[in-house]
Amino acid sequence: MIRKGYSHGPFGQVHWRLLAPEGPPTKPDLYCLHPAPFSGLAFTTIMPHLAQERRVFAPDFPGHGGSDAFKEEPVIEEYAAAMMAVVEEQSGSGRVDLMGFHTGNLVAAEMALTAPEKIRLLAMVDVPAFDAETSAKFLNASAKTFAITPELSCLEGPWERGMTKRIESQTPERSFEMFTEQLRPGRLMNKAFHAAFSYDVDAKLPMIMHETMILASQSGLLDATRHAASIMPSAILVERLDIKRAVLDEAAEKTADEILKFLDRTGS
């Protein structure tokens, strides 16, 4: 059963989810870093596939999910500092593994750079490693606050993305809980995207020396993910173009298989 808790971080309380194996853990803890503007809730379907021999944590970034509210202009470095506080409190002196998805990959990257001795392996799934031109194009739009008005029409965009266009394999209940989760940052819903587009991936990713598996699905981030693998010295690119949607839900077992294959390989 997934249980929940809180850790004290540099920016307030950080909420997390934890799934532990039935027996004593025999592998390093795995921390799952979520996509914006959601929370660790995004990993609840895949966590049982990952927690066979290890504890799996899914924390919420500051300002997201159940974590404390955060500042108007966050940066990836601050999200990483908050996540490291959870790691230090929950995993003690042991080294841990990281899994990122979308924006969560950039947080994982920054954690590896700021605490390299604490991080063992990285598994990155669909990395938003956009070139400078693409990032600049989206930077201004992502800086805008989400307009909350008395009219129901202010929710039309999130509703269409989360409910109207949901895939058939995702139940209305799952779609609805993800829809409501993306609303929890309120007017600051877009700010994590702004932090991501502000992060200098071309400067940061080449500095990561950790062994990294980069998993690319057939998504709009395919080219960006390939770019990430090309600039990271110790990255292994695994393309699963048969995974075309719902990487953490419909394709949870396939995604988890690739991650565990990498984390559990002999000699790691």
Protein backbone atom coordinates (compact mmCIF):
# COMPACT_ATOMS: atom_id res chain seq x y z
CA MET A 1 0.00 0.00 0.00
CA ILE A 2 1.27 3.47 -0.87
CA ARG A 3 1.62 5.60 2.23
CA LYS A 4 2.13 9.34 2.50
CA GLY A 5 4.25 11.60 4.65
CA TYR A 6 6.07 14.90 4.93
CA SER A 7 9.68 15.99 5.17
CA HIS A 8 11.04 19.37 6.17
CA GLY A 9 12.78 21.15 3.31
CA PRO A 10 14.43 24.52 2.74
CA PHE A 11 11.15 25.98 1.46
CA GLY A 12 8.66 24.37 3.83
CA GLN A 13 7.12 20.94 4.08
CA VAL A 14 7.47 18.51 1.20
CA HIS A 15 4.78 15.90 0.72
CA TRP A 16 5.75 12.47 -0.57
CA ARG A 17 4.36 9.05 -1.40
CA LEU A 18 6.20 5.85 -0.54
CA LEU A 19 5.73 2.27 -1.66
CA ALA A 20 7.95 -0.33 0.01
CA PRO A 21 8.46 -3.96 -1.05
CA GLU A 22 6.77 -6.72 0.92
CA GLY A 23 10.10 -7.93 2.29
CA PRO A 24 13.19 -6.02 3.42
CA PRO A 25 14.56 -3.75 0.64
CA THR A 26 17.67 -5.14 -1.04
CA LYS A 27 18.24 -2.36 -3.59
CA PRO A 28 18.87 1.40 -3.23
CA ASP A 29 15.89 3.68 -2.74
CA LEU A 30 14.42 5.10 -5.95
CA TYR A 31 13.10 8.67 -6.09
CA CYS A 32 10.64 9.54 -8.87
CA LEU A 33 10.58 13.19 -9.97
CA HIS A 34 7.30 14.25 -11.49
CA PRO A 35 6.21 16.22 -14.57
CA ALA A 36 4.78 19.72 -14.28
CA PRO A 37 2.25 20.85 -13.20
CA PHE A 38 1.34 17.59 -11.47
CA SER A 39 2.84 15.82 -8.44
CA GLY A 40 4.03 12.42 -7.27
CA LEU A 41 0.49 11.24 -7.99
CA ALA A 42 1.68 10.77 -11.58
CA PHE A 43 3.69 7.71 -10.47
CA THR A 44 1.07 5.78 -8.50
CA THR A 45 0.36 3.35 -11.36
CA ILE A 46 4.01 2.56 -12.07
CA MET A 47 5.21 2.44 -8.45
CA PRO A 48 4.06 -1.17 -7.82
CA HIS A 49 6.09 -2.30 -10.84
CA LEU A 50 9.20 -0.55 -9.50
CA ALA A 51 8.96 -1.45 -5.80
CA GLN A 52 9.76 -5.15 -6.02
CA GLU A 53 13.07 -4.98 -4.13
CA ARG A 54 13.39 -1.29 -3.29
CA ARG A 55 11.56 1.55 -1.64
CA VAL A 56 10.07 3.95 -4.18
CA PHE A 57 9.44 7.57 -3.22
CA ALA A 58 7.44 10.08 -5.26
CA PRO A 59 7.77 13.55 -3.69
CA ASP A 60 5.86 16.68 -4.69
CA PHE A 61 7.86 19.76 -5.72
CA PRO A 62 7.32 22.91 -3.65
CA GLY A 63 4.08 24.52 -4.77
CA HIS A 64 2.74 21.23 -6.16
CA GLY A 65 0.53 18.47 -4.81
CA GLY A 66 0.52 18.39 -1.03
CA SER A 67 3.75 20.33 -0.55
CA ASP A 68 3.73 23.86 0.84
CA ALA A 69 3.03 26.78 -1.47
CA PHE A 70 6.06 28.31 -3.15
CA LYS A 71 7.39 31.51 -4.67
CA GLU A 72 6.27 33.28 -7.83
CA GLU A 73 9.44 32.55 -9.82
CA PRO A 74 10.90 29.15 -8.87
CA VAL A 75 13.97 27.66 -10.53
CA ILE A 76 14.98 24.05 -11.08
CA GLU A 77 17.82 24.41 -8.58
CA GLU A 78 15.31 25.14 -5.81
CA TYR A 79 13.15 22.16 -6.66
CA ALA A 80 16.31 20.02 -6.55
CA ALA A 81 17.27 21.39 -3.12
CA ALA A 82 13.83 20.53 -1.77
CA MET A 83 14.02 17.00 -3.18
CA MET A 84 17.49 16.49 -1.71
CA ALA A 85 16.11 17.38 1.70
CA VAL A 86 13.68 14.47 1.35
CA VAL A 87 16.47 12.14 0.24
CA GLU A 88 18.67 13.08 3.18
CA GLU A 89 15.86 12.67 5.69
CA GLN A 90 14.39 9.44 4.34
CA SER A 91 17.42 7.58 2.96
CA GLY A 92 20.12 8.58 5.44
CA SER A 93 23.67 7.96 4.30
CA GLY A 94 22.81 5.48 1.55
CA ARG A 95 23.14 6.30 -2.12
CA VAL A 96 19.91 6.53 -4.09
CA ASP A 97 18.72 6.23 -7.68
CA LEU A 98 16.63 8.83 -9.50
CA MET A 99 13.92 8.51 -12.13
CA GLY A 100 12.64 11.60 -13.90
CA PHE A 101 9.79 12.22 -16.31
CA HIS A 102 9.49 15.42 -18.37
CA THR A 103 10.32 18.37 -16.05
CA GLY A 104 11.33 15.89 -13.36
CA ASN A 105 14.37 14.96 -15.46
CA LEU A 106 15.81 18.44 -15.05
CA VAL A 107 15.31 18.26 -11.29
CA ALA A 108 17.05 14.87 -11.28
CA ALA A 109 19.91 16.32 -13.33
CA GLU A 110 20.39 19.17 -10.88
CA MET A 111 20.33 16.79 -7.92
CA ALA A 112 23.07 14.74 -9.56
CA LEU A 113 25.17 17.86 -10.06
CA THR A 114 24.72 19.28 -6.56
CA ALA A 115 25.08 15.99 -4.64
CA PRO A 116 27.02 13.67 -6.95
CA GLU A 117 28.22 11.46 -4.11
CA LYS A 118 24.64 10.78 -2.99
CA ILE A 119 23.23 9.78 -6.38
CA ARG A 120 24.05 6.36 -7.85
CA LEU A 121 22.21 6.04 -11.18
CA LEU A 122 19.83 8.17 -13.23
CA ALA A 123 16.90 6.96 -15.33
CA MET A 124 15.43 9.73 -17.47
CA VAL A 125 12.22 9.28 -19.45
CA ASP A 126 11.28 11.73 -22.23
CA VAL A 127 13.64 14.61 -21.51
CA PRO A 128 12.67 18.24 -22.37
CA ALA A 129 16.20 19.09 -23.53
CA PHE A 130 15.11 21.78 -25.95
CA ASP A 131 17.58 23.91 -27.87
CA ALA A 132 17.93 27.55 -26.89
CA GLU A 133 15.68 28.78 -29.68
CA THR A 134 12.81 26.49 -28.72
CA SER A 135 13.15 27.30 -25.03
CA ALA A 136 13.14 31.01 -25.75
CA LYS A 137 9.99 30.63 -27.83
CA PHE A 138 8.06 29.11 -24.94
CA LEU A 139 9.67 31.05 -22.10
CA ASN A 140 7.41 34.11 -22.22
CA ALA A 141 4.21 32.11 -22.53
CA SER A 142 5.16 29.92 -19.57
CA ALA A 143 5.81 32.99 -17.43
CA LYS A 144 2.13 33.94 -17.46
CA THR A 145 0.07 33.20 -14.39
CA PHE A 146 -2.99 30.99 -14.74
CA ALA A 147 -6.05 33.24 -14.77
CA ILE A 148 -8.57 32.17 -12.13
CA THR A 149 -11.95 33.78 -12.71
CA PRO A 150 -15.51 33.19 -11.45
CA GLU A 151 -16.38 31.85 -14.91
CA LEU A 152 -16.16 28.12 -15.49
CA SER A 153 -14.52 28.88 -18.83
CA CYS A 154 -11.18 29.47 -17.09
CA LEU A 155 -10.94 25.68 -16.65
CA GLU A 156 -11.68 24.82 -20.26
CA GLY A 157 -8.01 24.39 -21.26
CA PRO A 158 -7.03 22.01 -18.43
CA TRP A 159 -10.36 20.15 -18.78
CA GLU A 160 -9.88 19.61 -22.50
CA ARG A 161 -6.30 18.37 -22.05
CA GLY A 162 -7.09 16.14 -19.10
CA MET A 163 -10.62 14.91 -19.71
CA THR A 164 -11.99 15.61 -23.19
CA LYS A 165 -8.83 14.30 -24.88
CA ARG A 166 -8.08 11.50 -22.43
CA ILE A 167 -7.07 8.18 -23.96
CA GLU A 168 -9.50 5.27 -23.75
CA SER A 169 -7.21 3.18 -21.57
CA GLN A 170 -7.26 5.83 -18.85
CA THR A 171 -10.37 5.64 -16.71
CA PRO A 172 -12.42 8.79 -16.14
CA GLU A 173 -11.54 8.50 -12.45
CA ARG A 174 -7.79 8.49 -13.10
CA SER A 175 -8.11 11.30 -15.62
CA PHE A 176 -10.14 13.34 -13.16
CA GLU A 177 -7.67 12.94 -10.30
CA MET A 178 -4.85 14.07 -12.59
CA PHE A 179 -7.01 16.98 -13.81
CA THR A 180 -7.61 18.18 -10.27
CA GLU A 181 -3.96 17.64 -9.31
CA GLN A 182 -2.74 20.00 -12.02
CA LEU A 183 -4.99 22.72 -10.58
CA ARG A 184 -3.42 22.60 -7.12
CA PRO A 185 -0.63 25.12 -7.91
CA GLY A 186 -3.46 27.57 -8.66
CA ARG A 187 -2.45 30.75 -10.47
CA LEU A 188 1.18 29.54 -10.47
CA MET A 189 0.34 26.43 -12.51
CA ASN A 190 2.70 27.38 -15.35
CA LYS A 191 5.68 28.37 -13.22
CA ALA A 192 7.39 24.98 -13.23
CA PHE A 193 7.31 25.08 -17.02
CA HIS A 194 8.97 28.50 -16.87
CA ALA A 195 11.64 27.06 -14.58
CA ALA A 196 12.21 24.23 -17.06
CA PHE A 197 12.50 26.52 -20.08
CA SER A 198 14.91 28.70 -18.09
CA TYR A 199 17.21 25.77 -17.27
CA ASP A 200 20.34 25.68 -19.43
CA VAL A 201 20.31 22.04 -20.48
CA ASP A 202 23.18 22.44 -22.95
CA ALA A 203 25.43 23.69 -20.15
CA LYS A 204 24.17 21.41 -17.38
CA LEU A 205 23.63 17.97 -18.91
CA PRO A 206 27.19 17.54 -20.27
CA MET A 207 28.49 18.00 -16.71
CA ILE A 208 26.71 14.90 -15.41
CA MET A 209 29.11 12.00 -15.06
CA HIS A 210 26.68 9.49 -13.56
CA GLU A 211 25.68 6.45 -15.54
CA THR A 212 22.34 7.39 -17.06
CA MET A 213 19.69 5.54 -19.02
CA ILE A 214 17.61 7.82 -21.22
CA LEU A 215 14.35 6.23 -22.32
CA ALA A 216 12.68 7.76 -25.37
CA SER A 217 9.07 7.00 -26.20
CA GLN A 218 7.25 7.96 -29.39
CA SER A 219 6.27 11.42 -28.16
CA GLY A 220 6.65 15.09 -28.93
CA LEU A 221 9.84 15.01 -26.85
CA LEU A 222 11.56 12.39 -29.01
CA ASP A 223 14.03 14.75 -30.68
CA ALA A 224 14.71 16.61 -27.43
CA THR A 225 15.31 13.30 -25.65
CA ARG A 226 17.75 12.16 -28.33
CA HIS A 227 19.54 15.50 -27.95
CA ALA A 228 19.86 14.95 -24.19
CA ALA A 229 21.47 11.56 -24.77
CA SER A 230 23.89 13.01 -27.33
CA ILE A 231 25.32 15.60 -24.91
CA MET A 232 25.57 13.47 -21.76
CA PRO A 233 28.92 11.66 -21.57
CA SER A 234 27.69 8.55 -19.75
CA ALA A 235 24.19 8.27 -21.17
CA ILE A 236 22.72 5.18 -22.79
CA LEU A 237 19.80 5.91 -25.12
CA VAL A 238 17.00 3.33 -25.20
CA GLU A 239 14.28 4.00 -27.74
CA ARG A 240 10.92 2.37 -27.17
CA LEU A 241 8.94 3.75 -30.07
CA ASP A 242 6.26 1.15 -29.40
CA ILE A 243 5.35 3.25 -26.35
CA LYS A 244 3.22 5.97 -27.86
CA ARG A 245 1.18 7.29 -24.93
CA ALA A 246 0.54 7.16 -21.18
CA VAL A 247 4.14 6.26 -20.34
CA LEU A 248 3.45 6.04 -16.61
CA ASP A 249 -0.03 4.50 -16.84
CA GLU A 250 -0.99 2.40 -19.87
CA ALA A 251 2.69 1.63 -20.59
CA ALA A 252 3.71 1.47 -16.92
CA GLU A 253 4.91 -2.14 -17.07
CA LYS A 254 7.01 -1.58 -20.21
CA THR A 255 8.51 1.59 -18.80
CA ALA A 256 9.28 -0.06 -15.47
CA ASP A 257 10.91 -3.05 -17.19
CA GLU A 258 13.40 -0.78 -18.97
CA ILE A 259 14.16 1.16 -15.81
CA LEU A 260 14.71 -1.94 -13.69
CA LYS A 261 16.79 -3.56 -16.40
CA PHE A 262 19.14 -0.60 -16.15
CA LEU A 263 19.12 -0.15 -12.36
CA ASP A 264 19.57 -3.85 -11.61
CA ARG A 265 22.12 -4.80 -14.21
CA THR A 266 25.20 -6.69 -13.04
CA GLY A 267 28.07 -4.54 -11.93
CA SER A 268 26.11 -1.35 -11.26
